[in-house]
C-alpha atoms as a PDB file:
ATOM      1  CA  ASP A   1     -19.989-145.393-107.350  1.00  0.00           C
ATOM      2  CA  GLY A   2     -17.584-145.264-110.268  1.00  0.00           C
ATOM      3  CA  SER A   3     -15.249-142.776-108.569  1.00  0.00           C
ATOM      4  CA  GLY A   4     -12.441-145.292-108.254  1.00  0.00           C
ATOM      5  CA  GLN A   5     -12.030-144.721-104.508  1.00  0.00           C
ATOM      6  CA  PHE A   6     -10.677-147.675-102.560  1.00  0.00           C
ATOM      7  CA  GLN A   7     -13.442-147.576 -99.954  1.00  0.00           C
ATOM      8  CA  ARG A   8     -16.135-150.113-100.574  1.00  0.00           C
ATOM      9  CA  SER A   9     -17.958-149.181 -97.370  1.00  0.00           C
ATOM     10  CA  PRO A  10     -18.769-145.588 -96.373  1.00  0.00           C
ATOM     11  CA  HIS A  11     -15.739-144.693 -94.254  1.00  0.00           C
ATOM     12  CA  VAL A  12     -14.976-141.134 -95.336  1.00  0.00           C
ATOM     13  CA  GLY A  13     -11.512-140.009 -94.276  1.00  0.00           C
ATOM     14  CA  ALA A  14     -12.742-136.812 -92.638  1.00  0.00           C
ATOM     15  CA  ARG A  15     -15.257-138.592 -90.442  1.00  0.00           C
ATOM     16  CA  ALA A  16     -13.016-138.646 -87.368  1.00  0.00           C
ATOM     17  CA  ALA A  17     -12.437-134.899 -87.656  1.00  0.00           C
ATOM     18  CA  ALA A  18     -16.160-134.238 -87.988  1.00  0.00           C
ATOM     19  CA  THR A  19     -16.931-136.441 -85.000  1.00  0.00           C
ATOM     20  CA  THR A  20     -14.742-134.384 -82.668  1.00  0.00           C
ATOM     21  CA  GLU A  21     -17.127-131.457 -82.963  1.00  0.00           C
ATOM     22  CA  THR A  22     -19.893-133.328 -81.173  1.00  0.00           C
ATOM     23  CA  LEU A  23     -17.961-135.225 -78.502  1.00  0.00           C
ATOM     24  CA  SER A  24     -16.876-134.044 -75.091  1.00  0.00           C
ATOM     25  CA  VAL A  25     -13.218-134.218 -74.001  1.00  0.00           C
ATOM     26  CA  ARG A  26     -13.885-137.309 -71.930  1.00  0.00           C
ATOM     27  CA  GLN A  27     -15.788-139.009 -74.759  1.00  0.00           C
ATOM     28  CA  GLN A  28     -13.033-138.273 -77.258  1.00  0.00           C
ATOM     29  CA  ASN A  29     -10.248-139.520 -75.013  1.00  0.00           C
ATOM     30  CA  LEU A  30     -12.285-142.644 -74.344  1.00  0.00           C
ATOM     31  CA  ALA A  31     -12.910-143.172 -78.066  1.00  0.00           C
ATOM     32  CA  TYR A  32      -9.279-142.786 -79.067  1.00  0.00           C
ATOM     33  CA  GLY A  33      -8.180-144.795 -76.043  1.00  0.00           C
ATOM     34  CA  MET A  34     -10.471-147.633 -77.082  1.00  0.00           C
ATOM     35  CA  LEU A  35      -9.098-147.453 -80.618  1.00  0.00           C
ATOM     36  CA  ALA A  36      -5.553-147.533 -79.232  1.00  0.00           C
ATOM     37  CA  ALA A  37      -6.374-150.535 -77.063  1.00  0.00           C
ATOM     38  CA  ALA A  38      -8.045-152.325 -79.951  1.00  0.00           C
ATOM     39  CA  THR A  39      -5.030-151.554 -82.090  1.00  0.00           C
ATOM     40  CA  LEU A  40      -2.738-153.451 -79.737  1.00  0.00           C
ATOM     41  CA  THR A  41      -5.009-156.274 -78.604  1.00  0.00           C
ATOM     42  CA  THR A  42      -7.073-157.322 -81.622  1.00  0.00           C
ATOM     43  CA  TRP A  43      -4.506-156.937 -84.385  1.00  0.00           C
ATOM     44  CA  HIS A  44      -4.343-160.637 -85.132  1.00  0.00           C
ATOM     45  CA  GLY A  45      -8.100-160.873 -84.944  1.00  0.00           C
ATOM     46  CA  SER A  46      -8.393-159.052 -88.265  1.00  0.00           C
ATOM     47  CA  ARG A  47      -8.466-160.774 -91.617  1.00  0.00           C
ATOM     48  CA  TRP A  48      -4.673-160.755 -91.701  1.00  0.00           C
ATOM     49  CA  GLY A  49      -3.285-163.800 -93.487  1.00  0.00           C
ATOM     50  CA  THR A  50      -6.494-165.780 -93.291  1.00  0.00           C
ATOM     51  CA  ARG A  51      -7.814-165.536 -96.817  1.00  0.00           C
ATOM     52  CA  ARG A  52      -7.298-168.032 -99.613  1.00  0.00           C
ATOM     53  CA  ARG A  53      -7.825-167.555-103.320  1.00  0.00           C
ATOM     54  CA  ARG A  54      -8.728-170.409-105.596  1.00  0.00           C
ATOM     55  CA  LEU A  55      -6.894-170.793-108.840  1.00  0.00           C
ATOM     56  CA  PRO A  56      -8.712-170.112-112.109  1.00  0.00           C
ATOM     57  CA  VAL A  57      -8.229-173.814-112.834  1.00  0.00           C
ATOM     58  CA  GLN A  58     -10.022-175.507-109.954  1.00  0.00           C
ATOM     59  CA  MET A  59      -8.155-178.281-108.185  1.00  0.00           C
ATOM     60  CA  LYS A  60     -10.835-180.911-108.253  1.00  0.00           C
ATOM     61  CA  ALA A  61     -10.753-184.393-109.652  1.00  0.00           C
ATOM     62  CA  GLN A  62     -11.287-184.454-113.405  1.00  0.00           C
ATOM     63  CA  ARG A  63     -10.887-187.164-115.927  1.00  0.00           C
ATOM     64  CA  GLY A  64      -7.671-186.905-117.891  1.00  0.00           C
ATOM     65  CA  VAL A  65      -5.788-184.886-115.220  1.00  0.00           C
ATOM     66  CA  THR A  66      -2.439-186.577-114.716  1.00  0.00           C
ATOM     67  CA  ILE A  67      -0.587-186.846-111.424  1.00  0.00           C
ATOM     68  CA  GLU A  68       2.018-184.395-112.749  1.00  0.00           C
ATOM     69  CA  ILE A  69      -0.595-181.758-113.602  1.00  0.00           C
ATOM     70  CA  ALA A  70      -2.323-182.248-110.263  1.00  0.00           C
ATOM     71  CA  GLU A  71       0.993-181.732-108.459  1.00  0.00           C
ATOM     72  CA  GLU A  72       1.701-178.579-110.458  1.00  0.00           C
ATOM     73  CA  LEU A  73      -1.726-177.232-109.542  1.00  0.00           C
ATOM     74  CA  ARG A  74      -1.175-178.074-105.880  1.00  0.00           C
ATOM     75  CA  LEU A  75       2.181-176.247-105.805  1.00  0.00           C
ATOM     76  CA  ALA A  76       0.677-173.284-107.618  1.00  0.00           C
ATOM     77  CA  GLN A  77      -2.158-173.140-105.079  1.00  0.00           C
ATOM     78  CA  GLU A  78       0.357-173.201-102.224  1.00  0.00           C
ATOM     79  CA  GLY A  79       2.184-170.285-103.856  1.00  0.00           C
ATOM     80  CA  VAL A  80      -1.025-168.296-104.090  1.00  0.00           C
ATOM     81  CA  ASN A  81      -1.873-168.983-100.442  1.00  0.00           C
ATOM     82  CA  LEU A  82       1.620-168.000 -99.328  1.00  0.00           C
ATOM     83  CA  SER A  83       1.402-164.714-101.242  1.00  0.00           C
ATOM     84  CA  LEU A  84      -1.932-163.888 -99.632  1.00  0.00           C
ATOM     85  CA  GLU A  85      -0.525-164.620 -96.187  1.00  0.00           C
ATOM     86  CA  LYS A  86       2.335-162.194 -96.821  1.00  0.00           C
ATOM     87  CA  ALA A  87       0.196-159.484 -98.403  1.00  0.00           C
ATOM     88  CA  THR A  88      -0.975-156.340 -96.672  1.00  0.00           C
ATOM     89  CA  PRO A  89      -4.789-156.315 -96.893  1.00  0.00           C
ATOM     90  CA  VAL A  90      -6.778-153.297 -97.993  1.00  0.00           C
ATOM     91  CA  PRO A  91      -8.250-151.720 -94.820  1.00  0.00           C
ATOM     92  CA  GLU A  92     -11.975-152.253 -94.499  1.00  0.00           C
ATOM     93  CA  SER A  93     -12.521-148.844 -92.889  1.00  0.00           C
ATOM     94  CA  PHE A  94     -10.796-145.579 -92.035  1.00  0.00           C
ATOM     95  CA  GLU A  95     -10.567-146.716 -88.412  1.00  0.00           C
ATOM     96  CA  GLN A  96      -8.837-149.926 -89.442  1.00  0.00           C
ATOM     97  CA  ALA A  97      -6.367-147.948 -91.541  1.00  0.00           C
ATOM     98  CA  ILE A  98      -5.500-145.909 -88.448  1.00  0.00           C
ATOM     99  CA  SER A  99      -5.064-149.108 -86.425  1.00  0.00           C
ATOM    100  CA  PHE A 100      -2.796-150.559 -89.109  1.00  0.00           C
ATOM    101  CA  ALA A 101      -0.689-147.388 -89.173  1.00  0.00           C
ATOM    102  CA  ALA A 102      -0.372-147.174 -85.384  1.00  0.00           C
ATOM    103  CA  VAL A 103       0.610-150.825 -85.028  1.00  0.00           C
ATOM    104  CA  ALA A 104       3.072-150.573 -87.918  1.00  0.00           C
ATOM    105  CA  GLY A 105       4.794-147.587 -86.348  1.00  0.00           C
ATOM    106  CA  ILE A 106       5.036-149.236 -82.931  1.00  0.00           C
ATOM    107  CA  MET A 107       6.241-152.555 -84.357  1.00  0.00           C
ATOM    108  CA  ALA A 108       8.919-150.806 -86.399  1.00  0.00           C
ATOM    109  CA  MET A 109      10.073-148.876 -83.312  1.00  0.00           C
ATOM    110  CA  GLU A 110      10.259-152.090 -81.306  1.00  0.00           C
ATOM    111  CA  ALA A 111      12.450-153.491 -84.098  1.00  0.00           C
ATOM    112  CA  GLY A 112      14.825-150.556 -83.641  1.00  0.00           C
ATOM    113  CA  LEU A 113      13.669-148.641 -86.724  1.00  0.00           C
ATOM    114  CA  TYR A 114      13.548-145.057 -85.457  1.00  0.00           C
ATOM    115  CA  ARG A 115      13.420-143.355 -88.854  1.00  0.00           C
ATOM    116  CA  GLN A 116      10.117-144.099 -90.535  1.00  0.00           C
ATOM    117  CA  SER A 117       7.905-142.672 -93.228  1.00  0.00           C
ATOM    118  CA  MET A 118       4.192-143.076 -93.863  1.00  0.00           C
ATOM    119  CA  TYR A 119       2.166-142.208 -96.937  1.00  0.00           C
ATOM    120  CA  TYR A 120      -1.579-141.724 -97.086  1.00  0.00           C
ATOM    121  CA  ASP A 121      -3.556-140.741-100.185  1.00  0.00           C
ATOM    122  CA  THR A 122      -6.998-142.198-100.807  1.00  0.00           C
ATOM    123  CA  GLY A 123      -7.946-139.599-103.385  1.00  0.00           C
ATOM    124  CA  GLU A 124      -9.913-137.465-100.907  1.00  0.00           C
ATOM    125  CA  VAL A 125      -8.783-133.864-100.417  1.00  0.00           C
ATOM    126  CA  ASP A 126     -10.144-131.252 -98.033  1.00  0.00           C
ATOM    127  CA  GLU A 127     -10.930-128.456-100.476  1.00  0.00           C
ATOM    128  CA  ASN A 128     -10.613-125.860 -97.707  1.00  0.00           C
ATOM    129  CA  ILE A 129      -6.956-126.807 -97.275  1.00  0.00           C
ATOM    130  CA  GLY A 130      -5.848-128.380-100.534  1.00  0.00           C
ATOM    131  CA  GLY A 131      -2.468-129.760-101.450  1.00  0.00           C
ATOM    132  CA  ASN A 132      -0.556-132.436 -99.602  1.00  0.00           C
ATOM    133  CA  LEU A 133      -1.844-131.332 -96.206  1.00  0.00           C
ATOM    134  CA  GLY A 134      -5.456-131.406 -97.422  1.00  0.00           C
ATOM    135  CA  LYS A 135      -5.312-135.126 -98.153  1.00  0.00           C
ATOM    136  CA  THR A 136      -3.367-135.956 -94.994  1.00  0.00           C
ATOM    137  CA  LEU A 137      -4.774-133.961 -92.083  1.00  0.00           C
ATOM    138  CA  PRO A 138      -7.676-136.270 -91.016  1.00  0.00           C
ATOM    139  CA  PHE A 139      -5.324-139.269 -91.115  1.00  0.00           C
ATOM    140  CA  VAL A 140      -2.686-137.459 -89.057  1.00  0.00           C
ATOM    141  CA  GLU A 141      -5.236-136.310 -86.485  1.00  0.00           C
ATOM    142  CA  SER A 142      -6.588-139.787 -85.819  1.00  0.00           C
ATOM    143  CA  LEU A 143      -3.130-141.384 -85.867  1.00  0.00           C
ATOM    144  CA  ALA A 144      -1.655-138.810 -83.471  1.00  0.00           C
ATOM    145  CA  LYS A 145      -4.570-139.069 -81.030  1.00  0.00           C
ATOM    146  CA  THR A 146      -4.446-142.870 -81.152  1.00  0.00           C
ATOM    147  CA  LEU A 147      -0.708-142.927 -80.413  1.00  0.00           C
ATOM    148  CA  ALA A 148      -1.092-140.347 -77.650  1.00  0.00           C
ATOM    149  CA  ASN A 149      -3.647-142.581 -75.923  1.00  0.00           C
ATOM    150  CA  THR A 150      -1.899-145.925 -76.325  1.00  0.00           C
ATOM    151  CA  GLU A 151      -0.242-147.530 -73.326  1.00  0.00           C
ATOM    152  CA  ALA A 152       2.590-148.751 -75.542  1.00  0.00           C
ATOM    153  CA  LEU A 153       4.223-145.318 -75.283  1.00  0.00           C
ATOM    154  CA  GLU A 154       4.202-145.509 -71.475  1.00  0.00           C
ATOM    155  CA  GLY A 155       2.778-142.035 -71.001  1.00  0.00           C
ATOM    156  CA  GLY A 156       5.218-140.348 -73.379  1.00  0.00           C
ATOM    157  CA  ILE A 157       4.500-137.221 -75.378  1.00  0.00           C
ATOM    158  CA  VAL A 158       3.551-137.333 -79.074  1.00  0.00           C
ATOM    159  CA  THR A 159       4.573-134.150 -80.894  1.00  0.00           C
ATOM    160  CA  CYS A 160       3.319-133.230 -84.364  1.00  0.00           C
ATOM    161  CA  LEU A 161       5.621-130.887 -86.262  1.00  0.00           C
ATOM    162  CA  PHE A 162       4.001-128.911 -89.075  1.00  0.00           C
ATOM    163  CA  PRO A 163       5.753-126.881 -91.778  1.00  0.00           C
ATOM    164  CA  ASP A 164       4.701-123.490 -90.389  1.00  0.00           C
ATOM    165  CA  PHE A 165       2.792-121.655 -87.679  1.00  0.00           C
ATOM    166  CA  GLY A 166      -0.319-121.249 -89.850  1.00  0.00           C
ATOM    167  CA  SER A 167      -0.814-124.996 -90.258  1.00  0.00           C
ATOM    168  CA  VAL A 168      -0.290-125.463 -86.505  1.00  0.00           C
ATOM    169  CA  ALA A 169      -2.998-122.914 -85.719  1.00  0.00           C
ATOM    170  CA  MET A 170      -5.379-124.564 -88.174  1.00  0.00           C
ATOM    171  CA  ALA A 171      -4.768-128.026 -86.716  1.00  0.00           C
ATOM    172  CA  GLU A 172      -5.237-126.752 -83.158  1.00  0.00           C
ATOM    173  CA  THR A 173      -8.623-125.328 -84.143  1.00  0.00           C
ATOM    174  CA  ARG A 174      -9.761-128.431 -86.012  1.00  0.00           C
ATOM    175  CA  TRP A 175      -8.435-130.987 -83.531  1.00  0.00           C
ATOM    176  CA  LYS A 176      -9.889-129.507 -80.348  1.00  0.00           C
ATOM    177  CA  PRO A 177      -9.792-130.836 -77.729  1.00  0.00           C
ATOM    178  CA  LEU A 178      -6.258-132.258 -77.757  1.00  0.00           C
ATOM    179  CA  PRO A 179      -5.270-135.206 -75.557  1.00  0.00           C
ATOM    180  CA  LYS A 180      -2.980-134.279 -72.679  1.00  0.00           C
ATOM    181  CA  ARG A 181      -0.036-136.121 -74.239  1.00  0.00           C
ATOM    182  CA  LEU A 182      -0.344-134.603 -77.722  1.00  0.00           C
ATOM    183  CA  PHE A 183       1.449-131.375 -78.637  1.00  0.00           C
ATOM    184  CA  LEU A 184       1.492-129.432 -81.895  1.00  0.00           C
ATOM    185  CA  ASP A 185       4.426-127.318 -83.057  1.00  0.00           C
ATOM    186  CA  HIS A 186       6.257-126.335 -86.223  1.00  0.00           C
ATOM    187  CA  LEU A 187       9.824-126.677 -87.445  1.00  0.00           C
ATOM    188  CA  PRO A 188      12.094-123.657 -86.959  1.00  0.00           C
ATOM    189  CA  ASN A 189      13.195-121.767 -90.034  1.00  0.00           C
ATOM    190  CA  VAL A 190      16.757-122.924 -90.733  1.00  0.00           C
ATOM    191  CA  MET A 191      18.754-121.903 -93.787  1.00  0.00           C
ATOM    192  CA  PRO A 192      20.968-124.425 -95.625  1.00  0.00           C
ATOM    193  CA  ASN A 193      24.558-124.685 -94.359  1.00  0.00           C
ATOM    194  CA  SER A 194      23.837-122.418 -91.396  1.00  0.00           C
ATOM    195  CA  GLU A 195      24.361-122.904 -87.665  1.00  0.00           C
ATOM    196  CA  LEU A 196      21.466-123.172 -85.277  1.00  0.00           C
ATOM    197  CA  THR A 197      20.740-120.141 -83.144  1.00  0.00           C
ATOM    198  CA  THR A 198      20.791-120.640 -79.397  1.00  0.00           C
ATOM    199  CA  ALA A 199      17.009-120.318 -79.281  1.00  0.00           C
ATOM    200  CA  ASP A 200      16.431-122.831 -82.089  1.00  0.00           C
ATOM    201  CA  LYS A 201      18.846-125.317 -80.534  1.00  0.00           C
ATOM    202  CA  ALA A 202      17.094-125.067 -77.165  1.00  0.00           C
ATOM    203  CA  ARG A 203      13.742-125.500 -78.866  1.00  0.00           C
ATOM    204  CA  MET A 204      14.924-128.600 -80.729  1.00  0.00           C
ATOM    205  CA  GLU A 205      16.372-130.090 -77.561  1.00  0.00           C
ATOM    206  CA  ASN A 206      12.962-129.631 -75.972  1.00  0.00           C
ATOM    207  CA  LEU A 207      11.336-131.434 -78.925  1.00  0.00           C
ATOM    208  CA  LEU A 208      13.661-134.382 -78.337  1.00  0.00           C
ATOM    209  CA  GLU A 209      11.955-134.948 -74.977  1.00  0.00           C
ATOM    210  CA  SER A 210       9.000-136.365 -76.935  1.00  0.00           C
ATOM    211  CA  LYS A 211       8.351-140.077 -77.168  1.00  0.00           C
ATOM    212  CA  ILE A 212       7.571-139.779 -80.907  1.00  0.00           C
ATOM    213  CA  LEU A 213       7.936-136.959 -83.416  1.00  0.00           C
ATOM    214  CA  LEU A 214       5.445-136.925 -86.287  1.00  0.00           C
ATOM    215  CA  ILE A 215       6.738-134.561 -88.976  1.00  0.00           C
ATOM    216  CA  ILE A 216       3.770-133.644 -91.145  1.00  0.00           C
ATOM    217  CA  CYS A 217       4.104-133.055 -94.905  1.00  0.00           C
ATOM    218  CA  PRO A 218       7.712-131.823 -94.798  1.00  0.00           C
ATOM    219  CA  GLY A 219       8.981-130.249 -98.001  1.00  0.00           C
ATOM    220  CA  GLN A 220      12.312-129.240 -99.447  1.00  0.00           C
ATOM    221  CA  THR A 221      12.501-126.011 -97.438  1.00  0.00           C
ATOM    222  CA  ASP A 222      12.147-128.048 -94.222  1.00  0.00           C
ATOM    223  CA  LEU A 223      15.168-130.232 -94.960  1.00  0.00           C
ATOM    224  CA  PRO A 224      17.812-128.012 -93.278  1.00  0.00           C
ATOM    225  CA  ALA A 225      15.836-127.947 -90.020  1.00  0.00           C
ATOM    226  CA  ILE A 226      15.183-131.707 -90.140  1.00  0.00           C
ATOM    227  CA  LEU A 227      18.840-132.500 -90.807  1.00  0.00           C
ATOM    228  CA  GLN A 228      19.864-130.289 -87.882  1.00  0.00           C
ATOM    229  CA  LEU A 229      17.286-131.999 -85.668  1.00  0.00           C
ATOM    230  CA  LEU A 230      18.587-135.457 -86.579  1.00  0.00           C
ATOM    231  CA  GLN A 231      22.157-134.322 -86.031  1.00  0.00           C
ATOM    232  CA  LEU A 232      21.157-133.113 -82.585  1.00  0.00           C
ATOM    233  CA  THR A 233      19.804-136.578 -81.749  1.00  0.00           C
ATOM    234  CA  ARG A 234      23.268-137.985 -82.460  1.00  0.00           C
ATOM    235  CA  ILE A 235      25.041-135.299 -80.443  1.00  0.00           C
ATOM    236  CA  THR A 236      22.774-135.598 -77.401  1.00  0.00           C
ATOM    237  CA  GLY A 237      22.284-139.348 -77.645  1.00  0.00           C
ATOM    238  CA  ASN A 238      18.543-138.795 -77.355  1.00  0.00           C
ATOM    239  CA  ASP A 239      17.437-140.846 -80.346  1.00  0.00           C
ATOM    240  CA  VAL A 240      13.731-140.103 -80.585  1.00  0.00           C
ATOM    241  CA  PRO A 241      11.653-142.047 -83.153  1.00  0.00           C
ATOM    242  CA  VAL A 242      10.772-139.800 -86.079  1.00  0.00           C
ATOM    243  CA  ILE A 243       7.939-140.551 -88.520  1.00  0.00           C
ATOM    244  CA  PHE A 244       7.694-138.476 -91.691  1.00  0.00           C
ATOM    245  CA  ILE A 245       4.155-138.351 -93.069  1.00  0.00           C
ATOM    246  CA  ASN A 246       3.632-137.620 -96.784  1.00  0.00           C
ATOM    247  CA  ALA A 247       7.108-136.150 -97.140  1.00  0.00           C
ATOM    248  CA  GLU A 248       8.131-134.403-100.373  1.00  0.00           C
ATOM    249  CA  PHE A 249      11.765-133.668 -99.622  1.00  0.00           C
ATOM    250  CA  ILE A 250      13.025-133.073-103.137  1.00  0.00           C
ATOM    251  CA  GLN A 251      10.570-130.967-105.111  1.00  0.00           C
ATOM    252  CA  ASN A 252      13.181-129.124-107.187  1.00  0.00           C
ATOM    253  CA  PRO A 253      16.446-131.078-107.614  1.00  0.00           C
ATOM    254  CA  ASP A 254      18.192-128.119-109.233  1.00  0.00           C
ATOM    255  CA  ALA A 255      17.468-125.872-106.262  1.00  0.00           C
ATOM    256  CA  ALA A 256      18.342-128.563-103.706  1.00  0.00           C
ATOM    257  CA  GLY A 257      22.067-128.270-104.376  1.00  0.00           C
ATOM    258  CA  GLY A 258      24.698-130.977-104.120  1.00  0.00           C
ATOM    259  CA  ASN A 259      25.143-131.328-100.344  1.00  0.00           C
ATOM    260  CA  LEU A 260      21.460-130.936 -99.513  1.00  0.00           C
ATOM    261  CA  LEU A 261      20.477-133.482-102.147  1.00  0.00           C
ATOM    262  CA  LYS A 262      23.096-135.962-100.926  1.00  0.00           C
ATOM    263  CA  SER A 263      21.936-135.534 -97.337  1.00  0.00           C
ATOM    264  CA  ALA A 264      18.306-136.084 -98.336  1.00  0.00           C
ATOM    265  CA  ILE A 265      19.195-139.266-100.240  1.00  0.00           C
ATOM    266  CA  LYS A 266      21.263-140.546 -97.315  1.00  0.00           C
ATOM    267  CA  MET A 267      18.403-139.862 -94.909  1.00  0.00           C
ATOM    268  CA  ALA A 268      15.903-141.589 -97.204  1.00  0.00           C
ATOM    269  CA  GLN A 269      18.103-144.682 -97.377  1.00  0.00           C
ATOM    270  CA  LYS A 270      17.948-144.965 -93.578  1.00  0.00           C
ATOM    271  CA  THR A 271      14.179-144.481 -93.469  1.00  0.00           C
ATOM    272  CA  VAL A 272      11.710-147.374 -93.641  1.00  0.00           C
ATOM    273  CA  ARG A 273       8.199-146.987 -95.041  1.00  0.00           C
ATOM    274  CA  SER A 274       6.202-148.447 -92.166  1.00  0.00           C
ATOM    275  CA  PHE A 275       2.745-147.630 -93.561  1.00  0.00           C
ATOM    276  CA  HIS A 276       1.470-146.912 -97.053  1.00  0.00           C
ATOM    277  CA  LEU A 277      -2.090-146.578 -98.325  1.00  0.00           C
ATOM    278  CA  GLN A 278      -2.582-145.115-101.773  1.00  0.00           C
ATOM    279  CA  GLN A 279      -5.303-145.037-104.371  1.00  0.00           C
ATOM    280  CA  TYR A 280      -3.753-145.584-107.797  1.00  0.00           C
ATOM    281  CA  ASP A 281      -5.649-144.531-110.900  1.00  0.00           C
ATOM    282  CA  PRO A 282      -3.981-145.771-114.086  1.00  0.00           C
ATOM    283  CA  PRO A 283      -3.328-143.299-116.896  1.00  0.00           C
ATOM    284  CA  GLU A 284      -5.856-143.267-119.690  1.00  0.00           C
ATOM    285  CA  ASP A 285      -3.346-144.778-122.099  1.00  0.00           C
ATOM    286  CA  GLY A 286      -2.182-147.391-119.590  1.00  0.00           C
ATOM    287  CA  GLU A 287      -2.071-150.945-120.897  1.00  0.00           C
ATOM    288  CA  ASP A 288      -0.891-152.946-117.889  1.00  0.00           C
ATOM    289  CA  TYR A 289      -3.618-151.924-115.424  1.00  0.00           C
ATOM    290  CA  ALA A 290      -7.061-151.130-116.764  1.00  0.00           C
ATOM    291  CA  ASN A 291      -8.718-150.820-113.357  1.00  0.00           C
ATOM    292  CA  PRO A 292      -7.939-148.603-110.370  1.00  0.00           C
ATOM    293  CA  ALA A 293      -5.781-150.202-107.725  1.00  0.00           C
ATOM    294  CA  VAL A 294      -4.768-149.813-104.093  1.00  0.00           C
ATOM    295  CA  ILE A 295      -1.180-149.913-102.875  1.00  0.00           C
ATOM    296  CA  ALA A 296      -0.930-150.993 -99.243  1.00  0.00           C
ATOM    297  CA  ARG A 297       1.942-151.667 -96.886  1.00  0.00           C
ATOM    298  CA  VAL A 298       1.989-152.312 -93.150  1.00  0.00           C
ATOM    299  CA  TYR A 299       5.374-153.093 -91.623  1.00  0.00           C
ATOM    300  CA  PRO A 300       6.776-155.754 -91.732  1.00  0.00           C
ATOM    301  CA  GLN A 301       4.615-157.002 -94.617  1.00  0.00           C
ATOM    302  CA  PRO A 302       5.676-156.169 -98.204  1.00  0.00           C
ATOM    303  CA  PHE A 303       4.022-153.598-100.431  1.00  0.00           C
ATOM    304  CA  SER A 304       0.888-155.134-101.926  1.00  0.00           C
ATOM    305  CA  LEU A 305      -0.792-154.042-105.142  1.00  0.00           C
ATOM    306  CA  TRP A 306      -4.512-154.841-105.224  1.00  0.00           C
ATOM    307  CA  GLU A 307      -6.578-154.348-108.373  1.00  0.00           C
ATOM    308  CA  ASP A 308     -10.056-153.011-107.718  1.00  0.00           C
ATOM    309  CA  ASP A 309     -12.023-155.683-109.562  1.00  0.00           C
ATOM    310  CA  PRO A 310     -15.128-156.831-107.657  1.00  0.00           C
ATOM    311  CA  GLU A 311     -16.304-158.847-110.663  1.00  0.00           C
ATOM    312  CA  ASP A 312     -13.310-161.200-110.457  1.00  0.00           C
ATOM    313  CA  PRO A 313     -14.435-164.438-108.760  1.00  0.00           C
ATOM    314  CA  ASP A 314     -10.948-164.815-107.252  1.00  0.00           C
ATOM    315  CA  ALA A 315     -10.918-161.333-105.672  1.00  0.00           C
ATOM    316  CA  VAL A 316     -10.662-160.829-101.894  1.00  0.00           C
ATOM    317  CA  ASP A 317     -13.411-158.448-100.795  1.00  0.00           C
ATOM    318  CA  GLY A 318     -13.457-156.980-104.290  1.00  0.00           C
ATOM    319  CA  PHE A 319      -9.657-156.668-104.662  1.00  0.00           C
ATOM    320  CA  PHE A 320      -7.376-158.967-106.647  1.00  0.00           C
ATOM    321  CA  LEU A 321      -3.758-159.327-105.507  1.00  0.00           C
ATOM    322  CA  LEU A 322      -1.444-158.459-108.392  1.00  0.00           C
ATOM    323  CA  GLU A 323       1.977-157.935-106.891  1.00  0.00           C
ATOM    324  CA  LEU A 324       4.158-158.112-103.774  1.00  0.00           C
ATOM    325  CA  ASP A 325       7.340-156.098-103.548  1.00  0.00           C
ATOM    326  CA  GLU A 326       9.766-154.525-101.067  1.00  0.00           C
ATOM    327  CA  THR A 327       9.389-151.165-102.814  1.00  0.00           C
ATOM    328  CA  ALA A 328       6.231-149.234-103.639  1.00  0.00           C
ATOM    329  CA  PRO A 329       4.790-150.016-107.099  1.00  0.00           C
ATOM    330  CA  PHE A 330       4.904-147.137-109.604  1.00  0.00           C
ATOM    331  CA  SER A 331       7.384-145.235-107.416  1.00  0.00           C
ATOM    332  CA  GLU A 332      10.124-143.341-109.163  1.00  0.00           C
END
């Protein structure tokens, strides 16, 4: 439609949130339970690693093609196929994106990676909310409900931690009804270089009884509380998996201060990006990428940069693989 959105089929990000208004509690739990089951049982039934892209120079018998050239073409084709097998595909729907994210988080946890981050930005923003939370909330809702209903967590609690009480109240209203194993809360207000109060410490210890903590859109002011929470996991030995979603830890480096900035960098170095889905629109004066692109990553696959170019005969479902990397393209 010319908007540059990554979706080629109509899977609007807010659809899951809108659907909850018309479903009963039993229907919703069944729906998210089915999605959770599908996430764990049909993962390899997707298009993962099954596509092949032909080279611009077709490898077919032609007069004048030497054995050396044919061998070079064969090796090049093998390289292309290998890259496509390693690449993270662009999700075909919002539901598939949720499945990818849930599986990535669980696989990373099973690999012992208990500090994860996820990033989701498809260019859609809920105008009634705006900001980072406005582009994240539908994704978080579906992900949290899927995890809360999956058997992989063995009946454990999934807790979503929001920046403040207002965002918790909004999510509770929008997400009704909540699964029995999903709880919403917010981080306590902790000042830098300060000790936890008895009440805040008890509250954090209670949070550590969760099976997973999803920390939603944390910002710089949330860092002191998060650092105290992680320190408490070390003290108590209760190392709960923590997934940061659309985190913006350092928004003002000057205000962060030396120790806080160092702690944030140290924490980031120990955090793995288990899921990433981002619409990238090149700047108007950009020369390297003329078309919009999608950046995708599902652990343990590398970051994959797909150019939105449906006219390219070598594209995969309208996307052409440009790059594989262990770090996100265009990241600072």
